[in-house]
Amino acid sequence: MNTKQVAGLTGISVRTLHYYDKIGLLCPGRNDENGYRQYVEADLDLLQQILFFKKCGFSLSKIRALIKSPSFDRKQAFILQRKYLQHEKRRIDTMLATLDKSLKAMKGEYDMAQNEKFKGLDFDNNPYEDEARRLWGDQAVDNSKKHIGSLSDEEKSAVAKGMDDLFCSLAKLRLQDPASDAVQAAMDGMYRYFNQNFGVTYSLQAFAGLGQMYVTDSRFTENIDKYGAGLSEFLAAAMGIYAKNKAK
């Protein structure tokens, strides 16, 4: 399907589809004859997943980080999205009940308590974002930052020195195949080092998700690539392979 056909099918504008391609969220192949975008079944499946995440309140940058994670699982995503939408359905039902009571109160037919006026109007947080972060993202990063913040200056210096040594050694491997025995042995050491020094236990999924953050979060990319050009992409691939192999 071309872009216009996908726009007609989904109700999304052509401009939006072009923007998704531009930011690396949904990048279809190209028609060999005319160079136009060509969407196949897998692209449409991915677009469906993106739109469900949008309806569940996730930002485009967060969606991109989730779906690009090596540990991303479509079935788990559907289950998570269903949980959120069920939660949202209950909240909408509560809001409708609040509206009905408010209308009755205006007519003098119902004595409405103050705390009833705001039931269902809690928009501040997405209750399932933490679960998504646990499955595919950066919750472990936040927890490790909190742990490091609680250390003494001497302890922080020791962790910083250890990290510096670790990334210097990893940078020397960055031109090798991420799946090679030497690189995967280094990934095992990296995984163990993180779990022993950051005050958190990274699951294999979280470890792979952390690797993906190295390329989706510019702050990580800039810091890591100081040790060697392309190190962040190399680590993202190697960490994803490590997590996949260890999960077998």
Protein backbone atom coordinates (compact mmCIF):
# COMPACT_ATOMS: atom_id res chain seq x y z
CA MET A 1 0.00 0.00 0.00
CA ASN A 2 1.18 3.54 -0.69
CA THR A 3 1.02 6.39 1.81
CA LYS A 4 -2.29 7.74 0.50
CA GLN A 5 -3.91 4.32 0.77
CA VAL A 6 -2.67 3.86 4.35
CA ALA A 7 -3.96 7.32 5.22
CA GLY A 8 -7.39 6.38 3.82
CA LEU A 9 -7.39 3.08 5.69
CA THR A 10 -6.40 4.49 9.09
CA GLY A 11 -7.64 8.07 9.07
CA ILE A 12 -4.10 9.32 9.70
CA SER A 13 -2.93 12.17 7.50
CA VAL A 14 -0.24 11.67 4.87
CA ARG A 15 1.73 14.39 6.62
CA THR A 16 1.68 12.44 9.89
CA LEU A 17 2.86 9.26 8.18
CA HIS A 18 5.71 11.20 6.59
CA TYR A 19 6.61 12.58 10.03
CA TYR A 20 6.64 9.07 11.56
CA ASP A 21 9.12 8.08 8.84
CA LYS A 22 11.24 11.18 9.44
CA ILE A 23 11.65 10.52 13.17
CA GLY A 24 12.36 6.81 12.68
CA LEU A 25 9.10 5.61 14.21
CA LEU A 26 7.60 3.89 11.15
CA CYS A 27 9.91 3.59 8.15
CA PRO A 28 8.38 1.64 5.24
CA GLY A 29 10.34 0.40 2.27
CA ARG A 30 10.32 2.10 -1.11
CA ASN A 31 8.74 1.09 -4.39
CA ASP A 32 11.55 0.14 -6.78
CA GLU A 33 9.76 1.69 -9.75
CA ASN A 34 8.91 5.14 -8.43
CA GLY A 35 10.71 5.47 -5.07
CA TYR A 36 7.45 6.10 -3.20
CA ARG A 37 6.87 4.71 0.30
CA GLN A 38 5.44 1.20 0.19
CA TYR A 39 3.75 -0.21 3.30
CA VAL A 40 3.64 -3.98 3.77
CA GLU A 41 1.69 -6.04 6.32
CA ALA A 42 4.42 -5.74 8.95
CA ASP A 43 4.34 -1.93 8.63
CA LEU A 44 0.59 -1.90 9.19
CA ASP A 45 0.96 -4.15 12.24
CA LEU A 46 3.55 -1.77 13.63
CA LEU A 47 1.33 1.23 12.91
CA GLN A 48 -1.52 -0.43 14.80
CA GLN A 49 0.81 -0.92 17.77
CA ILE A 50 1.91 2.73 17.61
CA LEU A 51 -1.66 3.99 17.55
CA PHE A 52 -2.66 1.81 20.50
CA PHE A 53 0.25 3.23 22.50
CA LYS A 54 -0.82 6.76 21.51
CA LYS A 55 -4.36 6.08 22.73
CA CYS A 56 -2.83 4.84 25.98
CA GLY A 57 -1.16 8.20 26.55
CA PHE A 58 2.43 7.44 25.53
CA SER A 59 4.51 10.12 23.77
CA LEU A 60 6.00 9.43 20.33
CA SER A 61 9.53 9.44 21.75
CA LYS A 62 8.51 6.91 24.40
CA ILE A 63 6.74 4.74 21.79
CA ARG A 64 9.82 4.77 19.58
CA ALA A 65 12.05 3.73 22.48
CA LEU A 66 9.69 0.89 23.41
CA ILE A 67 9.17 -0.60 19.95
CA LYS A 68 12.87 -0.32 19.06
CA SER A 69 13.91 -2.21 22.18
CA PRO A 70 15.39 -5.65 21.35
CA SER A 71 13.24 -7.07 24.14
CA PHE A 72 9.98 -5.61 22.78
CA ASP A 73 7.22 -8.20 22.60
CA ARG A 74 4.04 -7.50 20.61
CA LYS A 75 1.88 -9.85 22.65
CA GLN A 76 3.00 -8.28 25.92
CA ALA A 77 2.32 -4.85 24.42
CA PHE A 78 -1.23 -5.83 23.48
CA ILE A 79 -1.84 -7.18 27.00
CA LEU A 80 -0.49 -3.97 28.54
CA GLN A 81 -2.56 -1.79 26.19
CA ARG A 82 -5.69 -3.77 27.00
CA LYS A 83 -5.09 -3.24 30.73
CA TYR A 84 -4.73 0.48 30.19
CA LEU A 85 -7.86 0.77 28.02
CA GLN A 86 -9.88 -1.20 30.58
CA HIS A 87 -8.64 1.22 33.23
CA GLU A 88 -9.59 4.15 30.98
CA LYS A 89 -13.06 2.66 30.38
CA ARG A 90 -13.65 2.50 34.12
CA ARG A 91 -12.47 6.10 34.48
CA ILE A 92 -14.78 7.29 31.68
CA ASP A 93 -17.71 5.46 33.29
CA THR A 94 -16.88 7.23 36.55
CA MET A 95 -16.73 10.61 34.76
CA LEU A 96 -20.12 9.96 33.14
CA ALA A 97 -21.58 9.16 36.56
CA THR A 98 -20.04 12.38 37.93
CA LEU A 99 -21.62 14.36 35.07
CA ASP A 100 -25.01 12.79 35.66
CA LYS A 101 -24.85 13.61 39.38
CA SER A 102 -23.71 17.16 38.58
CA LEU A 103 -26.70 17.69 36.27
CA LYS A 104 -29.07 16.38 38.94
CA ALA A 105 -27.40 18.62 41.53
CA MET A 106 -27.95 21.66 39.26
CA LYS A 107 -31.66 20.81 39.14
CA GLY A 108 -31.81 20.40 42.90
CA GLU A 109 -32.50 16.70 42.54
CA TYR A 110 -29.29 15.53 44.20
CA ASP A 111 -27.18 16.77 47.11
CA MET A 112 -23.65 16.39 45.72
CA ALA A 113 -20.72 16.14 48.14
CA GLN A 114 -17.58 18.15 47.32
CA ASN A 115 -15.40 15.05 46.85
CA GLU A 116 -17.89 13.62 44.33
CA LYS A 117 -17.36 16.54 41.94
CA PHE A 118 -13.92 15.38 40.86
CA LYS A 119 -14.29 11.60 40.62
CA GLY A 120 -12.80 10.29 37.40
CA LEU A 121 -10.91 13.52 36.69
CA ASP A 122 -7.46 12.22 37.60
CA PHE A 123 -5.46 12.85 34.40
CA ASP A 124 -2.03 13.30 35.93
CA ASN A 125 -0.43 9.92 35.35
CA ASN A 126 -0.47 6.87 33.13
CA PRO A 127 -0.80 3.92 35.54
CA TYR A 128 0.77 1.49 33.06
CA GLU A 129 3.80 3.51 31.97
CA ASP A 130 5.83 2.07 34.86
CA GLU A 131 4.96 -1.44 33.69
CA ALA A 132 6.09 -0.61 30.16
CA ARG A 133 9.31 0.86 31.55
CA ARG A 134 9.88 -2.30 33.58
CA LEU A 135 9.35 -4.52 30.54
CA TRP A 136 11.24 -2.57 27.91
CA GLY A 137 12.67 0.63 29.22
CA ASP A 138 14.42 2.85 31.66
CA GLN A 139 12.99 2.17 35.11
CA ALA A 140 16.20 0.44 36.16
CA VAL A 141 18.14 3.50 35.00
CA ASP A 142 16.06 5.76 37.24
CA ASN A 143 16.52 3.40 40.19
CA SER A 144 20.27 3.20 39.68
CA LYS A 145 20.53 7.00 39.52
CA LYS A 146 18.70 7.18 42.83
CA HIS A 147 21.07 4.63 44.35
CA ILE A 148 24.19 6.41 43.09
CA GLY A 149 22.84 9.69 44.43
CA SER A 150 22.78 8.17 47.90
CA LEU A 151 26.48 7.19 47.84
CA SER A 152 29.30 9.10 49.48
CA ASP A 153 31.64 11.18 47.31
CA GLU A 154 34.31 8.51 47.61
CA GLU A 155 31.91 5.76 46.59
CA LYS A 156 30.66 7.83 43.63
CA SER A 157 34.24 8.35 42.47
CA ALA A 158 34.87 4.61 42.62
CA VAL A 159 31.78 3.86 40.53
CA ALA A 160 32.73 6.57 38.01
CA LYS A 161 36.25 5.14 37.71
CA GLY A 162 34.86 1.65 37.24
CA MET A 163 32.50 2.84 34.51
CA ASP A 164 35.28 4.73 32.78
CA ASP A 165 37.48 1.63 32.74
CA LEU A 166 34.58 -0.50 31.53
CA PHE A 167 33.69 1.71 28.57
CA CYS A 168 37.36 2.15 27.63
CA SER A 169 37.72 -1.63 27.39
CA LEU A 170 34.44 -2.00 25.48
CA ALA A 171 35.46 0.68 23.00
CA LYS A 172 38.41 -1.50 21.95
CA LEU A 173 35.92 -4.18 20.83
CA ARG A 174 33.54 -1.95 18.91
CA LEU A 175 34.81 -2.92 15.44
CA GLN A 176 34.17 -6.61 16.08
CA ASP A 177 30.99 -8.57 15.42
CA PRO A 178 28.58 -7.86 18.35
CA ALA A 179 27.68 -11.56 18.35
CA SER A 180 31.28 -12.79 18.59
CA ASP A 181 32.40 -14.83 21.59
CA ALA A 182 34.79 -12.10 22.76
CA VAL A 183 32.15 -9.40 22.66
CA GLN A 184 29.50 -11.54 24.32
CA ALA A 185 31.95 -12.43 27.09
CA ALA A 186 32.45 -8.69 27.60
CA MET A 187 28.66 -8.25 27.71
CA ASP A 188 28.46 -10.87 30.43
CA GLY A 189 31.04 -8.90 32.43
CA MET A 190 29.13 -5.67 31.79
CA TYR A 191 25.84 -7.24 32.91
CA ARG A 192 27.42 -8.55 36.10
CA TYR A 193 29.15 -5.24 36.82
CA PHE A 194 25.89 -3.28 36.50
CA ASN A 195 24.01 -5.66 38.78
CA GLN A 196 26.77 -5.59 41.40
CA ASN A 197 27.37 -1.84 41.52
CA PHE A 198 24.20 0.12 40.77
CA GLY A 199 21.94 -0.99 43.60
CA VAL A 200 19.43 -2.61 41.22
CA THR A 201 19.06 -5.94 39.50
CA TYR A 202 18.71 -5.55 35.77
CA SER A 203 16.52 -8.18 34.15
CA LEU A 204 17.69 -9.34 30.75
CA GLN A 205 14.88 -7.28 29.21
CA ALA A 206 15.92 -4.19 31.13
CA PHE A 207 19.56 -4.71 30.12
CA ALA A 208 18.57 -4.86 26.44
CA GLY A 209 16.30 -1.85 26.96
CA LEU A 210 19.20 0.06 28.48
CA GLY A 211 21.24 -0.70 25.38
CA GLN A 212 18.46 0.69 23.23
CA MET A 213 18.46 3.87 25.32
CA TYR A 214 22.11 4.30 24.37
CA VAL A 215 20.96 5.09 20.81
CA THR A 216 17.54 6.68 21.44
CA ASP A 217 18.58 9.10 24.19
CA SER A 218 21.09 11.67 22.91
CA ARG A 219 22.51 12.19 26.40
CA PHE A 220 23.62 8.56 26.55
CA THR A 221 24.82 8.57 22.94
CA GLU A 222 27.02 11.64 23.39
CA ASN A 223 28.61 10.39 26.60
CA ILE A 224 29.25 6.85 25.37
CA ASP A 225 30.54 7.81 21.93
CA LYS A 226 33.23 9.91 23.60
CA TYR A 227 34.99 6.60 24.21
CA GLY A 228 34.85 5.75 20.51
CA ALA A 229 32.74 6.64 17.50
CA GLY A 230 29.80 4.28 17.11
CA LEU A 231 30.22 2.67 20.53
CA SER A 232 26.61 3.36 21.52
CA GLU A 233 25.21 1.53 18.47
CA PHE A 234 27.66 -1.32 18.96
CA LEU A 235 26.63 -1.75 22.61
CA ALA A 236 22.91 -1.55 21.78
CA ALA A 237 23.33 -4.45 19.36
CA ALA A 238 25.64 -6.48 21.61
CA MET A 239 23.46 -6.05 24.71
CA GLY A 240 20.36 -7.05 22.75
CA ILE A 241 22.08 -10.21 21.47
CA TYR A 242 23.29 -11.04 24.98
CA ALA A 243 19.80 -10.71 26.47
CA LYS A 244 18.26 -12.78 23.69
CA ASN A 245 20.82 -15.57 24.00
CA LYS A 246 20.62 -15.73 27.80
CA ALA A 247 16.82 -15.86 27.72
CA LYS A 248 16.83 -19.07 25.65
